[in-house]
Amino acid sequence: MVAHGLDAVERDLVGNLGLEPCVHGLGVSQFGLRNVLFPVGERLLEVVSPTTTGTAAGRQLDRRGGDGGYMVLVQTDDLAGDRRRLDDLGIRIVLDAKMPGIEGVHLHPKDVGGAILSIDETDDWADWPWAGPVWREHIRTDVVSDLVAVEIQADDPRGMAERWATALGVDGSDTVLQLDEGEIRFVAPTDDRGEGVSGLEFRSERSADHEIGGVRMALRPA
């Protein structure tokens, strides 16, 4: 997610979803950003906020008229193979991101649509160094226990789903991409903010809906 006011969104996520931040300001200052990450079971939710002008995150805030979804990061065990597939498809990589224990590629949003898609590989599958070394110590499941779906609104949901499926090397015969863990859903626009990440679904023992940082948060029982 991207937000003008990081602290306010952090308070809302803690207050409404029972999450606990695991790290602040890790690895994003060089991009003119500050950030906070929250573990949601074995998944992670990140919020970034610009600290300087001219950032990609700031342009996203301007383009969509405020806070909202920004990136979708997925984990792979064959980034070299993914790179070859992307090169064969002519899908552009706009950033090679790397720190000890993890590396990933950010795909050009114009080539997939809807959001920046990042494909990341870790040295140890169970680690996620972008979130720091002790992120699991901050898992809290009193309210939500898992992040199970990302929703992206698109003018042509099926067409965008096909582009994402091709980029990820998964089945793209529908508007829902089934990953090994969780899914990405492509839906028709429900507002006038344009294409982008519009919703997240969490596993919870209760059923509730919140809007936090310009994103619909759906809490649903299994």
C-alpha atoms as a PDB file:
ATOM      1  CA  MET A   1       0.000   0.000   0.000  1.00  0.00           C
ATOM      2  CA  VAL A   2       1.009   3.639  -0.425  1.00  0.00           C
ATOM      3  CA  ALA A   3      -0.200   6.437   1.825  1.00  0.00           C
ATOM      4  CA  HIS A   4       0.300  10.154   2.377  1.00  0.00           C
ATOM      5  CA  GLY A   5       0.127   9.641   6.137  1.00  0.00           C
ATOM      6  CA  LEU A   6       1.973   6.477   7.112  1.00  0.00           C
ATOM      7  CA  ASP A   7       1.401   6.837  10.836  1.00  0.00           C
ATOM      8  CA  ALA A   8      -2.386   7.175  10.517  1.00  0.00           C
ATOM      9  CA  VAL A   9      -2.660   4.095   8.300  1.00  0.00           C
ATOM     10  CA  GLU A  10      -0.450   2.155  10.704  1.00  0.00           C
ATOM     11  CA  ARG A  11      -2.772   3.064  13.587  1.00  0.00           C
ATOM     12  CA  ASP A  12      -5.821   1.926  11.593  1.00  0.00           C
ATOM     13  CA  LEU A  13      -4.244  -1.419  10.702  1.00  0.00           C
ATOM     14  CA  VAL A  14      -3.285  -2.042  14.303  1.00  0.00           C
ATOM     15  CA  GLY A  15      -6.641  -0.932  15.642  1.00  0.00           C
ATOM     16  CA  ASN A  16      -8.921  -2.688  13.152  1.00  0.00           C
ATOM     17  CA  LEU A  17      -6.936  -5.787  12.146  1.00  0.00           C
ATOM     18  CA  GLY A  18      -4.972  -6.403  15.332  1.00  0.00           C
ATOM     19  CA  LEU A  19      -1.671  -6.386  13.468  1.00  0.00           C
ATOM     20  CA  GLU A  20       1.717  -5.602  15.001  1.00  0.00           C
ATOM     21  CA  PRO A  21       4.485  -3.890  13.010  1.00  0.00           C
ATOM     22  CA  CYS A  22       7.676  -5.892  12.633  1.00  0.00           C
ATOM     23  CA  VAL A  23       9.952  -3.256  11.111  1.00  0.00           C
ATOM     24  CA  HIS A  24      10.047   0.419  10.152  1.00  0.00           C
ATOM     25  CA  GLY A  25      12.187   2.143   7.548  1.00  0.00           C
ATOM     26  CA  LEU A  26      14.005  -0.911   6.199  1.00  0.00           C
ATOM     27  CA  GLY A  27      15.653  -0.641   2.784  1.00  0.00           C
ATOM     28  CA  VAL A  28      13.500   2.101   1.215  1.00  0.00           C
ATOM     29  CA  SER A  29      15.141   5.407   2.131  1.00  0.00           C
ATOM     30  CA  GLN A  30      17.157   5.380  -1.101  1.00  0.00           C
ATOM     31  CA  PHE A  31      13.840   5.508  -2.981  1.00  0.00           C
ATOM     32  CA  GLY A  32      12.656   8.546  -1.025  1.00  0.00           C
ATOM     33  CA  LEU A  33      10.279   6.487   1.129  1.00  0.00           C
ATOM     34  CA  ARG A  34       9.557   5.407   4.675  1.00  0.00           C
ATOM     35  CA  ASN A  35       7.707   2.179   5.385  1.00  0.00           C
ATOM     36  CA  VAL A  36       6.206  -0.184   7.895  1.00  0.00           C
ATOM     37  CA  LEU A  37       5.613  -3.928   7.540  1.00  0.00           C
ATOM     38  CA  PHE A  38       3.141  -6.180   9.332  1.00  0.00           C
ATOM     39  CA  PRO A  39       3.089  -9.986   9.361  1.00  0.00           C
ATOM     40  CA  VAL A  40      -0.323 -11.485   8.629  1.00  0.00           C
ATOM     41  CA  GLY A  41       0.223 -15.146   9.438  1.00  0.00           C
ATOM     42  CA  GLU A  42       2.923 -16.178   6.960  1.00  0.00           C
ATOM     43  CA  ARG A  43       2.139 -13.295   4.612  1.00  0.00           C
ATOM     44  CA  LEU A  44       3.241  -9.665   4.948  1.00  0.00           C
ATOM     45  CA  LEU A  45       1.571  -6.320   4.391  1.00  0.00           C
ATOM     46  CA  GLU A  46       3.668  -3.222   3.718  1.00  0.00           C
ATOM     47  CA  VAL A  47       2.760   0.452   3.657  1.00  0.00           C
ATOM     48  CA  VAL A  48       5.101   3.015   2.097  1.00  0.00           C
ATOM     49  CA  SER A  49       4.954   6.796   2.153  1.00  0.00           C
ATOM     50  CA  PRO A  50       7.014   9.315   0.158  1.00  0.00           C
ATOM     51  CA  THR A  51       9.472  11.535   1.993  1.00  0.00           C
ATOM     52  CA  THR A  52      10.680  13.417  -1.106  1.00  0.00           C
ATOM     53  CA  THR A  53       9.176  14.613  -4.363  1.00  0.00           C
ATOM     54  CA  GLY A  54       9.454  12.759  -7.650  1.00  0.00           C
ATOM     55  CA  THR A  55       9.002   9.219  -6.325  1.00  0.00           C
ATOM     56  CA  ALA A  56       7.072   6.450  -8.079  1.00  0.00           C
ATOM     57  CA  ALA A  57       4.974   6.097  -4.922  1.00  0.00           C
ATOM     58  CA  GLY A  58       4.149   9.800  -4.997  1.00  0.00           C
ATOM     59  CA  ARG A  59       3.113   9.597  -8.643  1.00  0.00           C
ATOM     60  CA  GLN A  60       0.825   6.695  -7.732  1.00  0.00           C
ATOM     61  CA  LEU A  61      -0.810   8.814  -5.025  1.00  0.00           C
ATOM     62  CA  ASP A  62      -1.393  11.573  -7.565  1.00  0.00           C
ATOM     63  CA  ARG A  63      -2.626   9.225 -10.296  1.00  0.00           C
ATOM     64  CA  ARG A  64      -5.232   7.508  -8.115  1.00  0.00           C
ATOM     65  CA  GLY A  65      -6.201  10.560  -6.097  1.00  0.00           C
ATOM     66  CA  GLY A  66      -4.946   9.432  -2.707  1.00  0.00           C
ATOM     67  CA  ASP A  67      -3.968   6.425  -0.625  1.00  0.00           C
ATOM     68  CA  GLY A  68      -4.410   2.929  -2.030  1.00  0.00           C
ATOM     69  CA  GLY A  69      -2.818  -0.251  -3.252  1.00  0.00           C
ATOM     70  CA  TYR A  70       0.609  -0.006  -4.840  1.00  0.00           C
ATOM     71  CA  MET A  71       2.503  -3.275  -5.334  1.00  0.00           C
ATOM     72  CA  VAL A  72       1.941  -7.026  -5.290  1.00  0.00           C
ATOM     73  CA  LEU A  73       4.938  -9.153  -4.308  1.00  0.00           C
ATOM     74  CA  VAL A  74       5.015 -12.888  -4.909  1.00  0.00           C
ATOM     75  CA  GLN A  75       7.646 -15.432  -3.929  1.00  0.00           C
ATOM     76  CA  THR A  76       9.310 -17.770  -6.421  1.00  0.00           C
ATOM     77  CA  ASP A  77      11.850 -20.589  -6.172  1.00  0.00           C
ATOM     78  CA  ASP A  78      13.177 -20.029  -9.719  1.00  0.00           C
ATOM     79  CA  LEU A  79      13.859 -16.352 -10.350  1.00  0.00           C
ATOM     80  CA  ALA A  80      16.354 -17.206 -13.095  1.00  0.00           C
ATOM     81  CA  GLY A  81      13.633 -19.089 -14.959  1.00  0.00           C
ATOM     82  CA  ASP A  82      11.185 -16.269 -14.375  1.00  0.00           C
ATOM     83  CA  ARG A  83      13.679 -13.794 -15.814  1.00  0.00           C
ATOM     84  CA  ARG A  84      14.038 -15.897 -18.955  1.00  0.00           C
ATOM     85  CA  ARG A  85      10.260 -16.085 -19.379  1.00  0.00           C
ATOM     86  CA  LEU A  86       9.873 -12.332 -18.898  1.00  0.00           C
ATOM     87  CA  ASP A  87      12.635 -11.650 -21.407  1.00  0.00           C
ATOM     88  CA  ASP A  88      11.023 -13.963 -23.956  1.00  0.00           C
ATOM     89  CA  LEU A  89       7.702 -12.168 -23.452  1.00  0.00           C
ATOM     90  CA  GLY A  90       9.244  -8.713 -23.766  1.00  0.00           C
ATOM     91  CA  ILE A  91       8.015  -7.716 -20.295  1.00  0.00           C
ATOM     92  CA  ARG A  92      10.234  -4.961 -18.983  1.00  0.00           C
ATOM     93  CA  ILE A  93      11.970  -5.037 -15.615  1.00  0.00           C
ATOM     94  CA  VAL A  94      12.091  -1.558 -14.082  1.00  0.00           C
ATOM     95  CA  LEU A  95      14.089  -2.469 -10.980  1.00  0.00           C
ATOM     96  CA  ASP A  96      16.372  -5.237  -9.770  1.00  0.00           C
ATOM     97  CA  ALA A  97      15.996  -5.194  -5.998  1.00  0.00           C
ATOM     98  CA  LYS A  98      18.498  -7.026  -3.810  1.00  0.00           C
ATOM     99  CA  MET A  99      19.701  -7.303  -0.249  1.00  0.00           C
ATOM    100  CA  PRO A 100      21.420 -10.187   1.585  1.00  0.00           C
ATOM    101  CA  GLY A 101      19.181 -13.239   1.407  1.00  0.00           C
ATOM    102  CA  ILE A 102      16.675 -11.960  -1.148  1.00  0.00           C
ATOM    103  CA  GLU A 103      16.418 -10.518  -4.628  1.00  0.00           C
ATOM    104  CA  GLY A 104      13.525  -9.612  -6.869  1.00  0.00           C
ATOM    105  CA  VAL A 105      12.443  -7.909 -10.053  1.00  0.00           C
ATOM    106  CA  HIS A 106       9.809  -5.194 -10.384  1.00  0.00           C
ATOM    107  CA  LEU A 107       7.866  -5.400 -13.635  1.00  0.00           C
ATOM    108  CA  HIS A 108       6.826  -2.365 -15.618  1.00  0.00           C
ATOM    109  CA  PRO A 109       3.210  -1.617 -14.658  1.00  0.00           C
ATOM    110  CA  LYS A 110       2.356  -0.736 -18.254  1.00  0.00           C
ATOM    111  CA  ASP A 111       3.303  -4.279 -19.311  1.00  0.00           C
ATOM    112  CA  VAL A 112       1.052  -6.024 -16.778  1.00  0.00           C
ATOM    113  CA  GLY A 113      -1.344  -3.320 -15.612  1.00  0.00           C
ATOM    114  CA  GLY A 114      -2.917  -2.424 -12.307  1.00  0.00           C
ATOM    115  CA  ALA A 115       0.123  -2.341 -10.043  1.00  0.00           C
ATOM    116  CA  ILE A 116       3.844  -2.930  -9.841  1.00  0.00           C
ATOM    117  CA  LEU A 117       4.309  -6.710  -9.781  1.00  0.00           C
ATOM    118  CA  SER A 118       7.426  -7.938  -7.979  1.00  0.00           C
ATOM    119  CA  ILE A 119       8.731 -11.514  -8.238  1.00  0.00           C
ATOM    120  CA  ASP A 120      11.132 -12.321  -5.405  1.00  0.00           C
ATOM    121  CA  GLU A 121      13.344 -15.253  -4.428  1.00  0.00           C
ATOM    122  CA  THR A 122      14.920 -15.852  -1.019  1.00  0.00           C
ATOM    123  CA  ASP A 123      17.988 -17.909  -0.137  1.00  0.00           C
ATOM    124  CA  ASP A 124      15.840 -19.638   2.497  1.00  0.00           C
ATOM    125  CA  TRP A 125      12.189 -20.110   1.513  1.00  0.00           C
ATOM    126  CA  ALA A 126      11.012 -19.458   5.083  1.00  0.00           C
ATOM    127  CA  ASP A 127      12.800 -16.090   5.309  1.00  0.00           C
ATOM    128  CA  TRP A 128      11.672 -12.707   3.982  1.00  0.00           C
ATOM    129  CA  PRO A 129      14.570 -10.306   4.584  1.00  0.00           C
ATOM    130  CA  TRP A 130      12.571  -7.296   3.345  1.00  0.00           C
ATOM    131  CA  ALA A 131      10.701  -7.627   6.672  1.00  0.00           C
ATOM    132  CA  GLY A 132      13.751  -7.936   8.906  1.00  0.00           C
ATOM    133  CA  PRO A 133      15.168 -10.957  10.732  1.00  0.00           C
ATOM    134  CA  VAL A 134      12.542 -11.377  13.462  1.00  0.00           C
ATOM    135  CA  TRP A 135       9.249 -10.652  11.706  1.00  0.00           C
ATOM    136  CA  ARG A 136       7.655 -13.892  12.899  1.00  0.00           C
ATOM    137  CA  GLU A 137       7.989 -12.706  16.486  1.00  0.00           C
ATOM    138  CA  HIS A 138       5.377 -10.059  15.646  1.00  0.00           C
ATOM    139  CA  ILE A 139       2.668 -12.346  14.227  1.00  0.00           C
ATOM    140  CA  ARG A 140      -0.659 -11.657  15.920  1.00  0.00           C
ATOM    141  CA  THR A 141      -3.756 -13.677  15.016  1.00  0.00           C
ATOM    142  CA  ASP A 142      -6.420 -12.426  17.441  1.00  0.00           C
ATOM    143  CA  VAL A 143      -8.294 -10.632  14.637  1.00  0.00           C
ATOM    144  CA  VAL A 144      -6.869 -11.839  11.304  1.00  0.00           C
ATOM    145  CA  SER A 145      -4.776 -14.953  10.714  1.00  0.00           C
ATOM    146  CA  ASP A 146      -3.956 -14.832   7.002  1.00  0.00           C
ATOM    147  CA  LEU A 147      -3.980 -12.636   3.908  1.00  0.00           C
ATOM    148  CA  VAL A 148      -5.713 -14.779   1.298  1.00  0.00           C
ATOM    149  CA  ALA A 149      -6.488 -12.546  -1.690  1.00  0.00           C
ATOM    150  CA  VAL A 150      -5.569  -9.335  -3.469  1.00  0.00           C
ATOM    151  CA  GLU A 151      -8.216  -7.588  -5.586  1.00  0.00           C
ATOM    152  CA  ILE A 152      -7.233  -5.417  -8.550  1.00  0.00           C
ATOM    153  CA  GLN A 153      -9.810  -3.358 -10.407  1.00  0.00           C
ATOM    154  CA  ALA A 154      -9.342  -3.153 -14.167  1.00  0.00           C
ATOM    155  CA  ASP A 155     -11.208  -1.782 -17.152  1.00  0.00           C
ATOM    156  CA  ASP A 156     -10.731  -5.214 -18.762  1.00  0.00           C
ATOM    157  CA  PRO A 157     -10.432  -7.703 -15.886  1.00  0.00           C
ATOM    158  CA  ARG A 158      -9.973 -10.755 -18.096  1.00  0.00           C
ATOM    159  CA  GLY A 159      -7.346  -9.104 -20.257  1.00  0.00           C
ATOM    160  CA  MET A 160      -5.346  -7.912 -17.262  1.00  0.00           C
ATOM    161  CA  ALA A 161      -5.639 -11.337 -15.628  1.00  0.00           C
ATOM    162  CA  GLU A 162      -4.203 -12.911 -18.763  1.00  0.00           C
ATOM    163  CA  ARG A 163      -1.240 -10.510 -18.763  1.00  0.00           C
ATOM    164  CA  TRP A 164      -0.477 -11.232 -15.102  1.00  0.00           C
ATOM    165  CA  ALA A 165      -0.877 -14.967 -15.642  1.00  0.00           C
ATOM    166  CA  THR A 166       1.531 -14.887 -18.573  1.00  0.00           C
ATOM    167  CA  ALA A 167       4.066 -12.890 -16.568  1.00  0.00           C
ATOM    168  CA  LEU A 168       3.828 -15.282 -13.619  1.00  0.00           C
ATOM    169  CA  GLY A 169       3.654 -18.487 -15.656  1.00  0.00           C
ATOM    170  CA  VAL A 170       0.339 -19.597 -14.114  1.00  0.00           C
ATOM    171  CA  ASP A 171      -3.081 -20.492 -15.502  1.00  0.00           C
ATOM    172  CA  GLY A 172      -4.904 -17.423 -16.792  1.00  0.00           C
ATOM    173  CA  SER A 173      -8.181 -18.838 -18.045  1.00  0.00           C
ATOM    174  CA  ASP A 174     -10.270 -16.774 -15.630  1.00  0.00           C
ATOM    175  CA  THR A 175     -10.251 -13.469 -13.770  1.00  0.00           C
ATOM    176  CA  VAL A 176      -8.894 -15.180 -10.649  1.00  0.00           C
ATOM    177  CA  LEU A 177      -5.274 -16.336 -10.572  1.00  0.00           C
ATOM    178  CA  GLN A 178      -4.783 -19.225  -8.162  1.00  0.00           C
ATOM    179  CA  LEU A 179      -1.313 -19.179  -6.655  1.00  0.00           C
ATOM    180  CA  ASP A 180       0.162 -21.876  -4.430  1.00  0.00           C
ATOM    181  CA  GLU A 181      -0.937 -19.796  -1.456  1.00  0.00           C
ATOM    182  CA  GLY A 182      -3.709 -17.271  -2.015  1.00  0.00           C
ATOM    183  CA  GLU A 183      -5.126 -15.682  -5.133  1.00  0.00           C
ATOM    184  CA  ILE A 184      -5.195 -12.495  -7.191  1.00  0.00           C
ATOM    185  CA  ARG A 185      -8.641 -11.367  -8.332  1.00  0.00           C
ATOM    186  CA  PHE A 186      -9.340  -8.957 -11.168  1.00  0.00           C
ATOM    187  CA  VAL A 187     -12.644  -7.107 -10.980  1.00  0.00           C
ATOM    188  CA  ALA A 188     -14.503  -4.331 -12.769  1.00  0.00           C
ATOM    189  CA  PRO A 189     -13.962  -0.842 -11.313  1.00  0.00           C
ATOM    190  CA  THR A 190     -16.171   0.079  -8.384  1.00  0.00           C
ATOM    191  CA  ASP A 191     -15.081   3.744  -8.254  1.00  0.00           C
ATOM    192  CA  ASP A 192     -13.585   6.445 -10.463  1.00  0.00           C
ATOM    193  CA  ARG A 193     -10.004   6.085  -9.204  1.00  0.00           C
ATOM    194  CA  GLY A 194      -8.792   4.096 -12.171  1.00  0.00           C
ATOM    195  CA  GLU A 195      -7.056   0.743 -12.326  1.00  0.00           C
ATOM    196  CA  GLY A 196      -5.216  -0.489  -9.271  1.00  0.00           C
ATOM    197  CA  VAL A 197      -5.192  -2.602  -6.136  1.00  0.00           C
ATOM    198  CA  SER A 198      -8.583  -1.976  -4.573  1.00  0.00           C
ATOM    199  CA  GLY A 199      -9.102  -4.674  -1.957  1.00  0.00           C
ATOM    200  CA  LEU A 200      -7.575  -7.289   0.321  1.00  0.00           C
ATOM    201  CA  GLU A 201      -9.251 -10.305   1.905  1.00  0.00           C
ATOM    202  CA  PHE A 202      -8.151 -11.642   5.273  1.00  0.00           C
ATOM    203  CA  ARG A 203      -9.009 -14.847   7.069  1.00  0.00           C
ATOM    204  CA  SER A 204     -10.770 -14.109  10.339  1.00  0.00           C
ATOM    205  CA  GLU A 205     -13.232 -15.668  12.741  1.00  0.00           C
ATOM    206  CA  ARG A 206     -15.469 -12.657  12.212  1.00  0.00           C
ATOM    207  CA  SER A 207     -16.988 -11.055   9.141  1.00  0.00           C
ATOM    208  CA  ALA A 208     -16.312  -7.347   8.787  1.00  0.00           C
ATOM    209  CA  ASP A 209     -15.388  -4.710   6.238  1.00  0.00           C
ATOM    210  CA  HIS A 210     -13.092  -1.733   6.704  1.00  0.00           C
ATOM    211  CA  GLU A 211     -11.580   0.871   4.425  1.00  0.00           C
ATOM    212  CA  ILE A 212      -8.019   1.595   5.441  1.00  0.00           C
ATOM    213  CA  GLY A 213      -5.564   3.622   3.411  1.00  0.00           C
ATOM    214  CA  GLY A 214      -7.905   3.693   0.426  1.00  0.00           C
ATOM    215  CA  VAL A 215      -8.163  -0.118   0.295  1.00  0.00           C
ATOM    216  CA  ARG A 216     -11.214  -2.246   1.133  1.00  0.00           C
ATOM    217  CA  MET A 217     -10.303  -4.742   3.832  1.00  0.00           C
ATOM    218  CA  ALA A 218     -12.639  -7.742   3.949  1.00  0.00           C
ATOM    219  CA  LEU A 219     -12.471 -10.010   6.982  1.00  0.00           C
ATOM    220  CA  ARG A 220     -14.065 -13.367   6.213  1.00  0.00           C
ATOM    221  CA  PRO A 221     -14.312 -16.744   7.985  1.00  0.00           C
ATOM    222  CA  ALA A 222     -12.893 -19.764   6.162  1.00  0.00           C
END
